[in-house]
Amino acid sequence: MIRSVVDWGAGRYETTAAELAPVAEVVVERASVRAGDDVVDVACGTGNAALLAAARDAHVIGVDGAPRLLAVARERAAAQGLEVELREGDLLGLPVADGAADVVLSVFGVIFAREPGAALREIARILRPDGRALISAWIPAGPIDGMLAALGRIMARVAPGPPPPRFAWSDPDALFPVARDAGLVVAATERQELAIRAASPEAYVDAGREHPMALATRPALARAGAERDVRDAMVAVLREANEDRDGFLVHSPYVVHELRRAG
């Protein structure tokens, strides 16, 4: 859908990170993070999962490719009196030693890897033999997915060309062979829903204008004079799905996969 390179440090990803905080809570809880565990949060962003793990007295490394988001995570850790080691790095080359992690977490992070198999091999590399990895992935359904599909249809009109391939991270059947080739097995998959709230559908769409992915699409939309069309189309989808007549509420489905080292 988005044909431009996304700069995850651009805009205000903090808004989305706050929205996703409940998912980090679910992932950390499902991972059964304990005091003394060595935890790596892959694509940690502003530190949601990393800080929760550190609050459980785990030894935590957070890795992200956006220096600005790491700076935000560092400020949050200091404000909460938590110790988290934050490192800049790529999903396909994690700056973490072999076998360093009891637990790997990735809350809607590794799913953006340009090479899913290579990213999973990195997770397998840093996991200890009895370690576990917990990954959340969006299910391509629900109002937010529908809103993004509306954007995608307009993007296809103003920026012709095939959209980038979209690996089915949420589908265990699709994930299983890729994980197996990386040396991992899918031990469990749990479906969840995230409640998303705002003052109104319009307010939600407008707040999303500063999301890094929205910023990546803006030049093409502006050149085509289609920015208003996109806003109207996205608002229409959310209005139809809205569950709160006095505000805005929708639910977005996602899965949490638990992966373990094979063998």
Protein backbone atom coordinates (compact mmCIF):
# COMPACT_ATOMS: atom_id res chain seq x y z
CA MET A 1 0.00 0.00 0.00
CA ILE A 2 2.74 2.47 0.92
CA ARG A 3 5.39 2.72 -1.77
CA SER A 4 7.66 5.22 0.02
CA VAL A 5 10.32 4.40 2.56
CA VAL A 6 8.95 5.02 6.05
CA ASP A 7 11.02 7.10 8.44
CA TRP A 8 9.77 5.82 11.79
CA GLY A 9 11.37 8.73 13.59
CA ALA A 10 9.30 11.27 11.66
CA GLY A 11 6.07 12.76 12.91
CA ARG A 12 4.53 11.73 16.20
CA TYR A 13 4.62 7.97 16.55
CA GLU A 14 4.18 8.58 20.29
CA THR A 15 0.43 8.98 19.69
CA THR A 16 0.18 5.50 18.20
CA ALA A 17 2.51 4.05 20.83
CA ALA A 18 0.17 5.23 23.58
CA GLU A 19 -2.75 3.64 21.76
CA LEU A 20 -0.87 0.33 21.54
CA ALA A 21 0.18 0.24 25.21
CA PRO A 22 -2.52 -2.31 26.16
CA VAL A 23 -1.10 -4.73 23.58
CA ALA A 24 2.34 -4.45 25.16
CA GLU A 25 0.75 -5.35 28.48
CA VAL A 26 -0.82 -8.46 26.94
CA VAL A 27 2.43 -9.52 25.26
CA VAL A 28 4.56 -9.08 28.38
CA GLU A 29 2.01 -10.96 30.48
CA ARG A 30 1.82 -13.84 27.97
CA ALA A 31 5.62 -13.98 27.92
CA SER A 32 5.64 -14.56 31.71
CA VAL A 33 8.57 -12.20 32.11
CA ARG A 34 10.23 -12.79 35.49
CA ALA A 35 12.84 -11.03 37.60
CA GLY A 36 16.31 -11.79 36.27
CA ASP A 37 15.16 -12.74 32.76
CA ASP A 38 17.25 -11.41 29.88
CA VAL A 39 14.72 -9.75 27.59
CA VAL A 40 15.16 -8.19 24.14
CA ASP A 41 12.41 -5.93 22.80
CA VAL A 42 12.77 -5.94 19.01
CA ALA A 43 11.62 -2.73 17.28
CA CYS A 44 10.95 -1.32 20.72
CA GLY A 45 9.81 2.11 19.52
CA THR A 46 9.09 4.35 22.51
CA GLY A 47 9.63 1.44 24.88
CA ASN A 48 6.17 0.16 25.82
CA ALA A 49 7.10 -3.51 26.21
CA ALA A 50 10.69 -2.86 27.28
CA LEU A 51 9.60 -0.69 30.20
CA LEU A 52 6.97 -3.18 31.33
CA ALA A 53 9.57 -5.94 31.32
CA ALA A 54 12.05 -3.76 33.22
CA ALA A 55 9.36 -3.01 35.82
CA ARG A 56 9.33 -6.78 36.48
CA ASP A 57 13.06 -6.59 37.28
CA ALA A 58 14.13 -8.21 34.02
CA HIS A 59 17.41 -7.22 32.32
CA VAL A 60 16.15 -5.51 29.17
CA ILE A 61 17.69 -4.49 25.86
CA GLY A 62 15.50 -2.48 23.49
CA VAL A 63 16.46 -2.31 19.81
CA ASP A 64 15.04 0.09 17.24
CA GLY A 65 16.14 1.67 13.99
CA ALA A 66 14.83 5.17 14.84
CA PRO A 67 17.16 7.17 17.09
CA ARG A 68 14.42 9.67 17.99
CA LEU A 69 12.14 6.92 19.29
CA LEU A 70 15.01 5.48 21.31
CA ALA A 71 15.49 8.93 22.83
CA VAL A 72 11.82 8.99 23.82
CA ALA A 73 12.16 5.51 25.34
CA ARG A 74 15.25 6.65 27.24
CA GLU A 75 13.38 9.65 28.68
CA ARG A 76 10.45 7.44 29.70
CA ALA A 77 12.75 4.95 31.41
CA ALA A 78 14.48 7.73 33.35
CA ALA A 79 11.14 9.24 34.40
CA GLN A 80 10.01 5.85 35.74
CA GLY A 81 13.32 5.04 37.39
CA LEU A 82 13.85 1.96 35.22
CA GLU A 83 17.04 0.55 33.74
CA VAL A 84 16.79 -0.37 30.06
CA GLU A 85 19.69 -0.64 27.62
CA LEU A 86 18.65 0.91 24.31
CA ARG A 87 20.52 0.15 21.10
CA GLU A 88 20.09 1.37 17.54
CA GLY A 89 19.89 -1.51 15.10
CA ASP A 90 18.15 -3.20 12.20
CA LEU A 91 15.66 -6.05 12.31
CA LEU A 92 17.91 -8.04 9.99
CA GLY A 93 21.05 -7.45 12.04
CA LEU A 94 20.17 -7.14 15.71
CA PRO A 95 23.03 -5.70 17.84
CA VAL A 96 22.62 -8.53 20.34
CA ALA A 97 24.91 -11.51 20.99
CA ASP A 98 24.01 -15.09 20.07
CA GLY A 99 21.91 -16.81 22.72
CA ALA A 100 21.58 -13.66 24.83
CA ALA A 101 17.81 -13.70 25.44
CA ASP A 102 15.48 -15.74 27.59
CA VAL A 103 12.60 -13.74 26.09
CA VAL A 104 12.23 -11.81 22.84
CA LEU A 105 9.30 -9.42 22.50
CA SER A 106 8.06 -7.58 19.43
CA VAL A 107 4.84 -5.57 19.58
CA PHE A 108 3.87 -4.80 15.97
CA GLY A 109 7.56 -4.41 15.19
CA VAL A 110 9.11 -7.39 13.43
CA ILE A 111 6.01 -7.54 11.21
CA PHE A 112 7.48 -4.59 9.27
CA ALA A 113 10.68 -6.46 8.41
CA ARG A 114 11.45 -6.30 4.70
CA GLU A 115 12.54 -9.96 4.84
CA PRO A 116 10.40 -11.95 7.31
CA GLY A 117 12.54 -15.07 7.16
CA ALA A 118 15.75 -13.17 7.84
CA ALA A 119 14.15 -11.31 10.74
CA LEU A 120 12.98 -14.58 12.28
CA ARG A 121 16.48 -16.04 11.88
CA GLU A 122 17.78 -13.12 13.92
CA ILE A 123 15.25 -13.85 16.65
CA ALA A 124 16.24 -17.52 16.63
CA ARG A 125 19.93 -16.52 16.81
CA ILE A 126 19.57 -14.41 19.95
CA LEU A 127 17.20 -16.81 21.74
CA ARG A 128 18.56 -19.32 24.23
CA PRO A 129 17.62 -22.96 23.60
CA ASP A 130 14.79 -22.82 26.15
CA GLY A 131 13.82 -19.23 25.33
CA ARG A 132 10.54 -17.91 23.97
CA ALA A 133 9.58 -15.13 21.57
CA LEU A 134 6.23 -13.31 21.69
CA ILE A 135 5.18 -11.40 18.57
CA SER A 136 1.98 -9.45 17.97
CA ALA A 137 0.57 -9.05 14.45
CA TRP A 138 -2.51 -7.34 13.09
CA ILE A 139 -5.26 -9.47 11.60
CA PRO A 140 -6.24 -7.97 8.22
CA ALA A 141 -9.84 -7.32 9.26
CA GLY A 142 -11.86 -4.77 11.16
CA PRO A 143 -12.41 -1.02 10.84
CA ILE A 144 -8.81 0.17 11.03
CA ASP A 145 -7.78 -2.30 8.34
CA GLY A 146 -10.76 -1.10 6.31
CA MET A 147 -9.65 2.51 6.79
CA LEU A 148 -6.15 1.66 5.55
CA ALA A 149 -7.64 -0.23 2.60
CA ALA A 150 -9.50 2.95 1.63
CA LEU A 151 -6.18 4.80 1.69
CA GLY A 152 -4.62 2.02 -0.37
CA ARG A 153 -7.24 2.29 -3.10
CA ILE A 154 -6.55 5.98 -3.54
CA MET A 155 -2.79 5.44 -3.39
CA ALA A 156 -3.14 2.87 -6.19
CA ARG A 157 -4.77 5.58 -8.30
CA VAL A 158 -2.27 8.36 -7.62
CA ALA A 159 0.90 6.24 -7.43
CA PRO A 160 0.39 3.37 -9.89
CA GLY A 161 2.37 0.21 -9.48
CA PRO A 162 2.09 -2.98 -7.47
CA PRO A 163 1.93 -2.54 -3.70
CA PRO A 164 4.76 -4.07 -1.69
CA PRO A 165 4.18 -7.70 -0.72
CA ARG A 166 2.38 -8.14 2.58
CA PHE A 167 3.43 -11.22 4.51
CA ALA A 168 0.55 -12.83 6.43
CA TRP A 169 2.12 -12.55 9.88
CA SER A 170 -1.19 -13.18 11.62
CA ASP A 171 -1.80 -16.52 9.88
CA PRO A 172 -0.14 -19.45 11.71
CA ASP A 173 -0.27 -21.54 8.52
CA ALA A 174 1.73 -18.91 6.65
CA LEU A 175 4.08 -18.26 9.55
CA PHE A 176 4.83 -21.92 10.34
CA PRO A 177 7.05 -22.80 7.35
CA VAL A 178 8.94 -19.49 7.47
CA ALA A 179 9.52 -19.90 11.21
CA ARG A 180 10.57 -23.53 10.72
CA ASP A 181 13.17 -22.52 8.13
CA ALA A 182 14.48 -19.97 10.63
CA GLY A 183 14.83 -22.61 13.35
CA LEU A 184 11.66 -21.73 15.25
CA VAL A 185 8.32 -23.39 15.92
CA VAL A 186 4.98 -21.67 16.49
CA ALA A 187 4.08 -22.97 19.95
CA ALA A 188 0.80 -21.06 20.37
CA THR A 189 -1.35 -18.36 18.82
CA GLU A 190 -3.91 -16.30 20.72
CA ARG A 191 -6.44 -13.91 19.19
CA GLN A 192 -7.08 -10.58 20.91
CA GLU A 193 -8.80 -7.27 20.18
CA LEU A 194 -7.56 -3.76 20.87
CA ALA A 195 -10.15 -1.12 21.80
CA ILE A 196 -9.35 2.13 20.00
CA ARG A 197 -10.98 5.34 21.22
CA ALA A 198 -11.03 9.00 20.23
CA ALA A 199 -13.33 12.01 20.49
CA SER A 200 -14.75 11.27 17.02
CA PRO A 201 -13.87 9.45 13.78
CA GLU A 202 -12.66 12.76 12.38
CA ALA A 203 -10.41 13.36 15.39
CA TYR A 204 -8.91 9.90 15.05
CA VAL A 205 -8.11 10.37 11.36
CA ASP A 206 -6.67 13.83 11.94
CA ALA A 207 -4.44 12.61 14.78
CA GLY A 208 -3.14 9.91 12.45
CA ARG A 209 -1.82 12.50 10.00
CA GLU A 210 1.42 12.60 12.00
CA HIS A 211 1.96 8.83 11.90
CA PRO A 212 5.20 8.01 10.05
CA MET A 213 3.36 5.89 7.48
CA ALA A 214 0.88 8.71 6.81
CA LEU A 215 3.77 11.10 6.28
CA ALA A 216 5.28 8.67 3.77
CA THR A 217 2.14 8.82 1.61
CA ARG A 218 1.58 12.58 1.85
CA PRO A 219 3.84 13.78 -1.01
CA ALA A 220 2.11 11.56 -3.58
CA LEU A 221 -1.34 12.48 -2.30
CA ALA A 222 -0.50 16.19 -2.27
CA ARG A 223 0.81 16.09 -5.85
CA ALA A 224 -2.45 14.46 -6.95
CA GLY A 225 -4.62 16.81 -4.88
CA ALA A 226 -6.09 13.74 -3.16
CA GLU A 227 -5.48 14.50 0.52
CA ARG A 228 -9.10 15.54 1.12
CA ASP A 229 -10.36 12.46 -0.74
CA VAL A 230 -8.30 10.25 1.56
CA ARG A 231 -9.58 11.93 4.71
CA ASP A 232 -13.20 11.67 3.57
CA ALA A 233 -12.82 7.99 2.62
CA MET A 234 -11.14 7.07 5.91
CA VAL A 235 -13.67 8.97 8.01
CA ALA A 236 -16.55 7.29 6.15
CA VAL A 237 -15.23 3.82 7.01
CA LEU A 238 -14.82 4.70 10.67
CA ARG A 239 -18.20 6.39 10.95
CA GLU A 240 -19.92 3.26 9.68
CA ALA A 241 -18.02 1.05 12.15
CA ASN A 242 -18.23 3.38 15.15
CA GLU A 243 -19.53 1.68 18.31
CA ASP A 244 -19.95 4.87 20.39
CA ARG A 245 -22.60 7.41 19.37
CA ASP A 246 -21.12 10.00 21.76
CA GLY A 247 -17.50 9.59 20.65
CA PHE A 248 -15.48 7.01 18.77
CA LEU A 249 -14.80 3.36 19.59
CA VAL A 250 -13.78 0.47 17.38
CA HIS A 251 -12.00 -2.82 18.01
CA SER A 252 -9.00 -3.99 16.01
CA PRO A 253 -8.20 -7.73 15.97
CA TYR A 254 -4.68 -8.99 16.39
CA VAL A 255 -2.83 -12.17 17.34
CA VAL A 256 0.01 -12.94 19.72
CA HIS A 257 2.28 -15.75 18.54
CA GLU A 258 4.60 -17.61 20.86
CA LEU A 259 7.65 -19.02 19.10
CA ARG A 260 10.32 -21.30 20.49
CA ARG A 261 13.59 -22.70 19.23
CA ALA A 262 13.11 -25.84 17.17
CA GLY A 263 14.55 -29.11 18.40
